[in-house]
C-alpha cells in the first residue's frame, strides 16, 4: 500500500469525526490506539 505518511489527512478526518461524534459528550467513543490507529467503542451497557 502506498501512503504518504508526511500528510495529516487521517488526523484531519478523525478530528472532524470527533467534532461530530465526541465533542461535548461523555464517554468518548473514538479512541486512539497508539501505534495502531483508531477504534470506535461503545460503552458497556449499564444493568437496569
Protein backbone atom coordinates (compact mmCIF):
# COMPACT_ATOMS: atom_id res chain seq x y z
CA UNK A 1 0.00 0.00 0.00
CA UNK A 2 1.36 3.44 -0.89
CA UNK A 3 0.57 6.16 1.63
CA UNK A 4 2.46 9.40 2.08
CA UNK A 5 2.92 9.42 5.85
CA UNK A 6 4.04 13.06 5.76
CA UNK A 7 0.44 14.19 5.30
CA UNK A 8 -2.11 14.56 8.06
CA UNK A 9 -5.17 13.56 6.04
CA UNK A 10 -6.20 10.85 8.50
CA UNK A 11 -5.73 13.11 11.53
CA UNK A 12 -7.88 15.82 9.94
CA UNK A 13 -10.62 13.32 9.09
CA UNK A 14 -10.59 11.87 12.63
CA UNK A 15 -10.68 15.36 14.16
CA UNK A 16 -13.74 16.25 12.07
CA UNK A 17 -15.41 12.99 13.02
CA UNK A 18 -14.64 13.59 16.71
CA UNK A 19 -16.18 17.06 16.43
CA UNK A 20 -19.42 15.46 15.26
CA UNK A 21 -19.43 12.37 17.50
CA UNK A 22 -17.47 13.06 20.69
CA UNK A 23 -17.20 16.78 21.42
CA UNK A 24 -19.49 17.67 24.31
CA UNK A 25 -20.31 14.10 25.26
CA UNK A 26 -19.02 11.56 27.77
CA UNK A 27 -17.77 8.88 27.41
CA UNK A 28 -15.75 9.45 24.26
CA UNK A 29 -16.46 6.81 21.59
CA UNK A 30 -13.46 7.36 19.29
CA UNK A 31 -10.26 6.18 20.91
CA UNK A 32 -6.69 6.46 19.70
CA UNK A 33 -4.75 3.20 19.80
CA UNK A 34 -1.11 4.21 19.91
CA UNK A 35 0.95 2.61 17.17
CA UNK A 36 -2.14 1.11 15.53
CA UNK A 37 -4.75 3.72 14.64
CA UNK A 38 -8.21 4.40 15.97
CA UNK A 39 -11.18 2.44 17.24
CA UNK A 40 -14.82 3.16 17.84
CA UNK A 41 -16.01 1.57 21.04
CA UNK A 42 -19.42 1.90 22.65
CA UNK A 43 -19.54 1.96 26.43
CA UNK A 44 -20.73 -1.16 28.22
CA UNK A 45 -24.46 -1.17 28.85
CA UNK A 46 -25.46 -0.45 32.45
CA UNK A 47 -27.70 -3.11 34.02
CA UNK A 48 -31.20 -1.86 34.76
